[in-house]
Amino acid sequence: DIRLGKSPAGKAYKFQHRSAYDDIDSTYEAITAYLDEKGLEAQNLFIEEYLTTPKDSDDTSLEVDIYVFIK
C-alpha cells in the first residue's frame, strides 16, 4: 500500500549505525550525548533508513542511517 503524507521539515542531523541491531541502543546513546554536548534539542521524530537487511539481530553487517530533526 502507498499513502500520501507530509514530509518532515527543518534541520536534521544524519548519524550512521554500522553494527548489529542488538547494538543500536549504544548508537542512540551516542546521539543523545552529541546533542547534549552541542546544546541541541531534538524533535520527537527519528527516522531510521535501513540500507541493508540483517539476517538476525546480531548480524554485524547492518547499516542504518538515523535522521534526527532539531527543534
PDB file of N, CA and C in Angstrom:
ATOM      1  N   ASP A   1       0.832  -1.189   0.000  1.00  0.00           N
ATOM      2  CA  ASP A   1       0.000   0.000   0.000  1.00  0.00           C
ATOM      3  C   ASP A   1       0.874   1.249   0.000  1.00  0.00           C
ATOM      4  N   ILE A   2       0.394   2.260  -0.651  1.00  0.00           N
ATOM      5  CA  ILE A   2       1.069   3.554  -0.690  1.00  0.00           C
ATOM      6  C   ILE A   2       0.127   4.601  -0.112  1.00  0.00           C
ATOM      7  N   ARG A   3       0.679   5.427   0.768  1.00  0.00           N
ATOM      8  CA  ARG A   3      -0.106   6.510   1.360  1.00  0.00           C
ATOM      9  C   ARG A   3       0.629   7.823   1.171  1.00  0.00           C
ATOM     10  N   LEU A   4      -0.109   8.875   0.993  1.00  0.00           N
ATOM     11  CA  LEU A   4       0.470  10.211   0.933  1.00  0.00           C
ATOM     12  C   LEU A   4       0.544  10.773   2.338  1.00  0.00           C
ATOM     13  N   GLY A   5       1.589  11.525   2.596  1.00  0.00           N
ATOM     14  CA  GLY A   5       1.733  12.144   3.903  1.00  0.00           C
ATOM     15  C   GLY A   5       2.643  13.356   3.800  1.00  0.00           C
ATOM     16  N   LYS A   6       2.776  14.027   4.886  1.00  0.00           N
ATOM     17  CA  LYS A   6       3.600  15.217   4.956  1.00  0.00           C
ATOM     18  C   LYS A   6       5.031  14.822   5.323  1.00  0.00           C
ATOM     19  N   SER A   7       5.993  15.369   4.609  1.00  0.00           N
ATOM     20  CA  SER A   7       7.399  15.132   4.922  1.00  0.00           C
ATOM     21  C   SER A   7       7.816  16.063   6.047  1.00  0.00           C
ATOM     22  N   PRO A   8       8.728  15.610   6.900  1.00  0.00           N
ATOM     23  CA  PRO A   8       9.215  16.492   7.955  1.00  0.00           C
ATOM     24  C   PRO A   8      10.000  17.656   7.346  1.00  0.00           C
ATOM     25  N   ALA A   9       9.946  18.781   8.006  1.00  0.00           N
ATOM     26  CA  ALA A   9      10.672  19.964   7.543  1.00  0.00           C
ATOM     27  C   ALA A   9      11.638  20.423   8.616  1.00  0.00           C
ATOM     28  N   GLY A  10      12.642  21.131   8.209  1.00  0.00           N
ATOM     29  CA  GLY A  10      13.583  21.700   9.164  1.00  0.00           C
ATOM     30  C   GLY A  10      14.951  21.047   9.096  1.00  0.00           C
ATOM     31  N   LYS A  11      15.778  21.457  10.016  1.00  0.00           N
ATOM     32  CA  LYS A  11      17.155  20.981  10.079  1.00  0.00           C
ATOM     33  C   LYS A  11      17.200  19.583  10.688  1.00  0.00           C
ATOM     34  N   ALA A  12      18.006  18.711  10.087  1.00  0.00           N
ATOM     35  CA  ALA A  12      18.165  17.354  10.598  1.00  0.00           C
ATOM     36  C   ALA A  12      19.644  16.975  10.581  1.00  0.00           C
ATOM     37  N   TYR A  13      20.011  16.134  11.507  1.00  0.00           N
ATOM     38  CA  TYR A  13      21.353  15.564  11.540  1.00  0.00           C
ATOM     39  C   TYR A  13      21.247  14.099  11.142  1.00  0.00           C
ATOM     40  N   LYS A  14      22.237  13.646  10.392  1.00  0.00           N
ATOM     41  CA  LYS A  14      22.272  12.236   9.982  1.00  0.00           C
ATOM     42  C   LYS A  14      23.400  11.542  10.747  1.00  0.00           C
ATOM     43  N   PHE A  15      23.049  10.452  11.395  1.00  0.00           N
ATOM     44  CA  PHE A  15      24.019   9.629  12.109  1.00  0.00           C
ATOM     45  C   PHE A  15      24.026   8.248  11.464  1.00  0.00           C
ATOM     46  N   GLN A  16      25.157   7.573  11.539  1.00  0.00           N
ATOM     47  CA  GLN A  16      25.272   6.248  10.934  1.00  0.00           C
ATOM     48  C   GLN A  16      25.459   5.184  11.999  1.00  0.00           C
ATOM     49  N   HIS A  17      24.696   4.104  11.867  1.00  0.00           N
ATOM     50  CA  HIS A  17      24.876   2.924  12.718  1.00  0.00           C
ATOM     51  C   HIS A  17      25.385   1.815  11.811  1.00  0.00           C
ATOM     52  N   ARG A  18      26.563   1.300  12.116  1.00  0.00           N
ATOM     53  CA  ARG A  18      27.164   0.237  11.327  1.00  0.00           C
ATOM     54  C   ARG A  18      27.573  -0.886  12.269  1.00  0.00           C
ATOM     55  N   SER A  19      26.596  -1.671  12.669  1.00  0.00           N
ATOM     56  CA  SER A  19      26.833  -2.768  13.601  1.00  0.00           C
ATOM     57  C   SER A  19      25.540  -3.556  13.717  1.00  0.00           C
ATOM     58  N   ALA A  20      25.511  -4.517  14.613  1.00  0.00           N
ATOM     59  CA  ALA A  20      24.315  -5.337  14.812  1.00  0.00           C
ATOM     60  C   ALA A  20      23.168  -4.514  15.390  1.00  0.00           C
ATOM     61  N   TYR A  21      21.947  -4.938  15.097  1.00  0.00           N
ATOM     62  CA  TYR A  21      20.777  -4.259  15.648  1.00  0.00           C
ATOM     63  C   TYR A  21      20.801  -4.309  17.173  1.00  0.00           C
ATOM     64  N   ASP A  22      21.345  -5.382  17.719  1.00  0.00           N
ATOM     65  CA  ASP A  22      21.465  -5.501  19.178  1.00  0.00           C
ATOM     66  C   ASP A  22      22.263  -4.345  19.784  1.00  0.00           C
ATOM     67  N   ASP A  23      23.087  -3.670  18.972  1.00  0.00           N
ATOM     68  CA  ASP A  23      23.939  -2.582  19.457  1.00  0.00           C
ATOM     69  C   ASP A  23      23.382  -1.195  19.165  1.00  0.00           C
ATOM     70  N   ILE A  24      22.178  -1.107  18.599  1.00  0.00           N
ATOM     71  CA  ILE A  24      21.663   0.202  18.168  1.00  0.00           C
ATOM     72  C   ILE A  24      21.400   1.137  19.356  1.00  0.00           C
ATOM     73  N   ASP A  25      21.125   0.585  20.529  1.00  0.00           N
ATOM     74  CA  ASP A  25      20.924   1.439  21.709  1.00  0.00           C
ATOM     75  C   ASP A  25      22.165   2.272  22.012  1.00  0.00           C
ATOM     76  N   SER A  26      23.348   1.688  21.811  1.00  0.00           N
ATOM     77  CA  SER A  26      24.580   2.450  22.073  1.00  0.00           C
ATOM     78  C   SER A  26      24.728   3.592  21.073  1.00  0.00           C
ATOM     79  N   THR A  27      24.243   3.408  19.855  1.00  0.00           N
ATOM     80  CA  THR A  27      24.268   4.498  18.870  1.00  0.00           C
ATOM     81  C   THR A  27      23.337   5.621  19.303  1.00  0.00           C
ATOM     82  N   TYR A  28      22.147   5.270  19.777  1.00  0.00           N
ATOM     83  CA  TYR A  28      21.218   6.300  20.254  1.00  0.00           C
ATOM     84  C   TYR A  28      21.767   7.006  21.489  1.00  0.00           C
ATOM     85  N   GLU A  29      22.488   6.308  22.342  1.00  0.00           N
ATOM     86  CA  GLU A  29      23.121   6.953  23.495  1.00  0.00           C
ATOM     87  C   GLU A  29      24.183   7.941  23.032  1.00  0.00           C
ATOM     88  N   ALA A  30      24.941   7.570  21.992  1.00  0.00           N
ATOM     89  CA  ALA A  30      25.959   8.468  21.450  1.00  0.00           C
ATOM     90  C   ALA A  30      25.307   9.691  20.799  1.00  0.00           C
ATOM     91  N   ILE A  31      24.174   9.492  20.127  1.00  0.00           N
ATOM     92  CA  ILE A  31      23.442  10.609  19.529  1.00  0.00           C
ATOM     93  C   ILE A  31      22.981  11.570  20.613  1.00  0.00           C
ATOM     94  N   THR A  32      22.401  11.039  21.674  1.00  0.00           N
ATOM     95  CA  THR A  32      21.925  11.860  22.791  1.00  0.00           C
ATOM     96  C   THR A  32      23.077  12.643  23.411  1.00  0.00           C
ATOM     97  N   ALA A  33      24.216  11.993  23.607  1.00  0.00           N
ATOM     98  CA  ALA A  33      25.382  12.668  24.175  1.00  0.00           C
ATOM     99  C   ALA A  33      25.861  13.791  23.257  1.00  0.00           C
ATOM    100  N   TYR A  34      25.872  13.545  21.957  1.00  0.00           N
ATOM    101  CA  TYR A  34      26.291  14.561  20.991  1.00  0.00           C
ATOM    102  C   TYR A  34      25.357  15.773  21.040  1.00  0.00           C
ATOM    103  N   LEU A  35      24.062  15.511  21.020  1.00  0.00           N
ATOM    104  CA  LEU A  35      23.096  16.608  21.048  1.00  0.00           C
ATOM    105  C   LEU A  35      23.222  17.419  22.340  1.00  0.00           C
ATOM    106  N   ASP A  36      23.390  16.723  23.469  1.00  0.00           N
ATOM    107  CA  ASP A  36      23.571  17.407  24.750  1.00  0.00           C
ATOM    108  C   ASP A  36      24.830  18.277  24.735  1.00  0.00           C
ATOM    109  N   GLU A  37      25.916  17.730  24.194  1.00  0.00           N
ATOM    110  CA  GLU A  37      27.188  18.446  24.138  1.00  0.00           C
ATOM    111  C   GLU A  37      27.074  19.719  23.297  1.00  0.00           C
ATOM    112  N   LYS A  38      26.292  19.656  22.222  1.00  0.00           N
ATOM    113  CA  LYS A  38      26.128  20.798  21.322  1.00  0.00           C
ATOM    114  C   LYS A  38      24.987  21.721  21.732  1.00  0.00           C
ATOM    115  N   GLY A  39      24.244  21.345  22.795  1.00  0.00           N
ATOM    116  CA  GLY A  39      23.127  22.169  23.256  1.00  0.00           C
ATOM    117  C   GLY A  39      21.948  22.151  22.298  1.00  0.00           C
ATOM    118  N   LEU A  40      21.766  21.043  21.595  1.00  0.00           N
ATOM    119  CA  LEU A  40      20.680  20.910  20.624  1.00  0.00           C
ATOM    120  C   LEU A  40      19.536  20.114  21.216  1.00  0.00           C
ATOM    121  N   GLU A  41      18.314  20.470  20.810  1.00  0.00           N
ATOM    122  CA  GLU A  41      17.133  19.750  21.283  1.00  0.00           C
ATOM    123  C   GLU A  41      16.459  19.089  20.086  1.00  0.00           C
ATOM    124  N   ALA A  42      16.266  17.795  20.184  1.00  0.00           N
ATOM    125  CA  ALA A  42      15.657  17.033  19.093  1.00  0.00           C
ATOM    126  C   ALA A  42      14.139  17.118  19.166  1.00  0.00           C
ATOM    127  N   GLN A  43      13.520  17.105  17.985  1.00  0.00           N
ATOM    128  CA  GLN A  43      12.076  16.931  17.923  1.00  0.00           C
ATOM    129  C   GLN A  43      11.794  15.482  18.312  1.00  0.00           C
ATOM    130  N   ASN A  44      10.555  15.175  18.532  1.00  0.00           N
ATOM    131  CA  ASN A  44      10.189  13.797  18.852  1.00  0.00           C
ATOM    132  C   ASN A  44      10.008  13.015  17.549  1.00  0.00           C
ATOM    133  N   LEU A  45      11.047  13.053  16.691  1.00  0.00           N
ATOM    134  CA  LEU A  45      10.987  12.402  15.390  1.00  0.00           C
ATOM    135  C   LEU A  45      12.371  11.906  15.013  1.00  0.00           C
ATOM    136  N   PHE A  46      12.500  10.615  14.902  1.00  0.00           N
ATOM    137  CA  PHE A  46      13.729   9.981  14.448  1.00  0.00           C
ATOM    138  C   PHE A  46      13.337   9.081  13.285  1.00  0.00           C
ATOM    139  N   ILE A  47      14.079   9.173  12.195  1.00  0.00           N
ATOM    140  CA  ILE A  47      13.808   8.311  11.046  1.00  0.00           C
ATOM    141  C   ILE A  47      14.996   7.385  10.861  1.00  0.00           C
ATOM    142  N   GLU A  48      14.720   6.091  10.800  1.00  0.00           N
ATOM    143  CA  GLU A  48      15.751   5.093  10.554  1.00  0.00           C
ATOM    144  C   GLU A  48      15.625   4.613   9.115  1.00  0.00           C
ATOM    145  N   GLU A  49      16.694   4.776   8.344  1.00  0.00           N
ATOM    146  CA  GLU A  49      16.738   4.295   6.961  1.00  0.00           C
ATOM    147  C   GLU A  49      17.649   3.067   6.928  1.00  0.00           C
ATOM    148  N   TYR A  50      17.054   1.909   6.682  1.00  0.00           N
ATOM    149  CA  TYR A  50      17.805   0.666   6.659  1.00  0.00           C
ATOM    150  C   TYR A  50      18.409   0.478   5.275  1.00  0.00           C
ATOM    151  N   LEU A  51      19.748   0.485   5.205  1.00  0.00           N
ATOM    152  CA  LEU A  51      20.452   0.344   3.942  1.00  0.00           C
ATOM    153  C   LEU A  51      20.728  -1.112   3.616  1.00  0.00           C
ATOM    154  N   THR A  52      20.739  -1.961   4.630  1.00  0.00           N
ATOM    155  CA  THR A  52      20.917  -3.403   4.450  1.00  0.00           C
ATOM    156  C   THR A  52      19.870  -4.131   5.271  1.00  0.00           C
ATOM    157  N   THR A  53      19.641  -5.376   4.932  1.00  0.00           N
ATOM    158  CA  THR A  53      18.699  -6.215   5.675  1.00  0.00           C
ATOM    159  C   THR A  53      19.498  -7.269   6.431  1.00  0.00           C
ATOM    160  N   PRO A  54      19.481  -7.203   7.755  1.00  0.00           N
ATOM    161  CA  PRO A  54      20.257  -8.183   8.531  1.00  0.00           C
ATOM    162  C   PRO A  54      19.593  -9.552   8.523  1.00  0.00           C
ATOM    163  N   LYS A  55      20.420 -10.562   8.688  1.00  0.00           N
ATOM    164  CA  LYS A  55      19.907 -11.934   8.777  1.00  0.00           C
ATOM    165  C   LYS A  55      19.235 -12.183  10.120  1.00  0.00           C
ATOM    166  N   ASP A  56      19.780 -11.582  11.180  1.00  0.00           N
ATOM    167  CA  ASP A  56      19.213 -11.662  12.526  1.00  0.00           C
ATOM    168  C   ASP A  56      19.720 -10.476  13.330  1.00  0.00           C
ATOM    169  N   SER A  57      19.301 -10.383  14.584  1.00  0.00           N
ATOM    170  CA  SER A  57      19.593  -9.184  15.374  1.00  0.00           C
ATOM    171  C   SER A  57      21.065  -9.017  15.750  1.00  0.00           C
ATOM    172  N   ASP A  58      21.879 -10.056  15.594  1.00  0.00           N
ATOM    173  CA  ASP A  58      23.303  -9.905  15.903  1.00  0.00           C
ATOM    174  C   ASP A  58      24.179  -9.901  14.645  1.00  0.00           C
ATOM    175  N   ASP A  59      23.564  -9.728  13.479  1.00  0.00           N
ATOM    176  CA  ASP A  59      24.292  -9.630  12.213  1.00  0.00           C
ATOM    177  C   ASP A  59      24.992  -8.277  12.147  1.00  0.00           C
ATOM    178  N   THR A  60      26.311  -8.280  12.162  1.00  0.00           N
ATOM    179  CA  THR A  60      27.083  -7.038  12.230  1.00  0.00           C
ATOM    180  C   THR A  60      27.187  -6.308  10.890  1.00  0.00           C
ATOM    181  N   SER A  61      26.583  -6.832   9.838  1.00  0.00           N
ATOM    182  CA  SER A  61      26.634  -6.144   8.544  1.00  0.00           C
ATOM    183  C   SER A  61      25.507  -5.121   8.385  1.00  0.00           C
ATOM    184  N   LEU A  62      24.712  -4.916   9.431  1.00  0.00           N
ATOM    185  CA  LEU A  62      23.606  -3.965   9.370  1.00  0.00           C
ATOM    186  C   LEU A  62      24.128  -2.546   9.183  1.00  0.00           C
ATOM    187  N   GLU A  63      23.495  -1.812   8.266  1.00  0.00           N
ATOM    188  CA  GLU A  63      23.801  -0.398   8.038  1.00  0.00           C
ATOM    189  C   GLU A  63      22.504   0.382   8.117  1.00  0.00           C
ATOM    190  N   VAL A  64      22.453   1.325   9.055  1.00  0.00           N
ATOM    191  CA  VAL A  64      21.269   2.153   9.260  1.00  0.00           C
ATOM    192  C   VAL A  64      21.701   3.614   9.344  1.00  0.00           C
ATOM    193  N   ASP A  65      21.026   4.477   8.578  1.00  0.00           N
ATOM    194  CA  ASP A  65      21.210   5.917   8.736  1.00  0.00           C
ATOM    195  C   ASP A  65      20.062   6.410   9.606  1.00  0.00           C
ATOM    196  N   ILE A  66      20.397   7.187  10.637  1.00  0.00           N
ATOM    197  CA  ILE A  66      19.402   7.699  11.578  1.00  0.00           C
ATOM    198  C   ILE A  66      19.343   9.208  11.428  1.00  0.00           C
ATOM    199  N   TYR A  67      18.154   9.716  11.103  1.00  0.00           N
ATOM    200  CA  TYR A  67      17.951  11.157  10.920  1.00  0.00           C
ATOM    201  C   TYR A  67      17.247  11.693  12.160  1.00  0.00           C
ATOM    202  N   VAL A  68      17.846  12.737  12.744  1.00  0.00           N
ATOM    203  CA  VAL A  68      17.310  13.365  13.951  1.00  0.00           C
ATOM    204  C   VAL A  68      16.964  14.801  13.602  1.00  0.00           C
ATOM    205  N   PHE A  69      15.693  15.164  13.750  1.00  0.00           N
ATOM    206  CA  PHE A  69      15.238  16.512  13.428  1.00  0.00           C
ATOM    207  C   PHE A  69      15.352  17.388  14.667  1.00  0.00           C
ATOM    208  N   ILE A  70      15.872  18.593  14.457  1.00  0.00           N
ATOM    209  CA  ILE A  70      16.181  19.522  15.545  1.00  0.00           C
ATOM    210  C   ILE A  70      15.088  20.569  15.676  1.00  0.00           C
ATOM    211  N   LYS A  71      14.741  20.898  16.943  1.00  0.00           N
ATOM    212  CA  LYS A  71      13.745  21.967  17.195  1.00  0.00           C
ATOM    213  C   LYS A  71      14.329  23.317  16.891  1.00  0.00           C
TER     214      LYS A  71
END
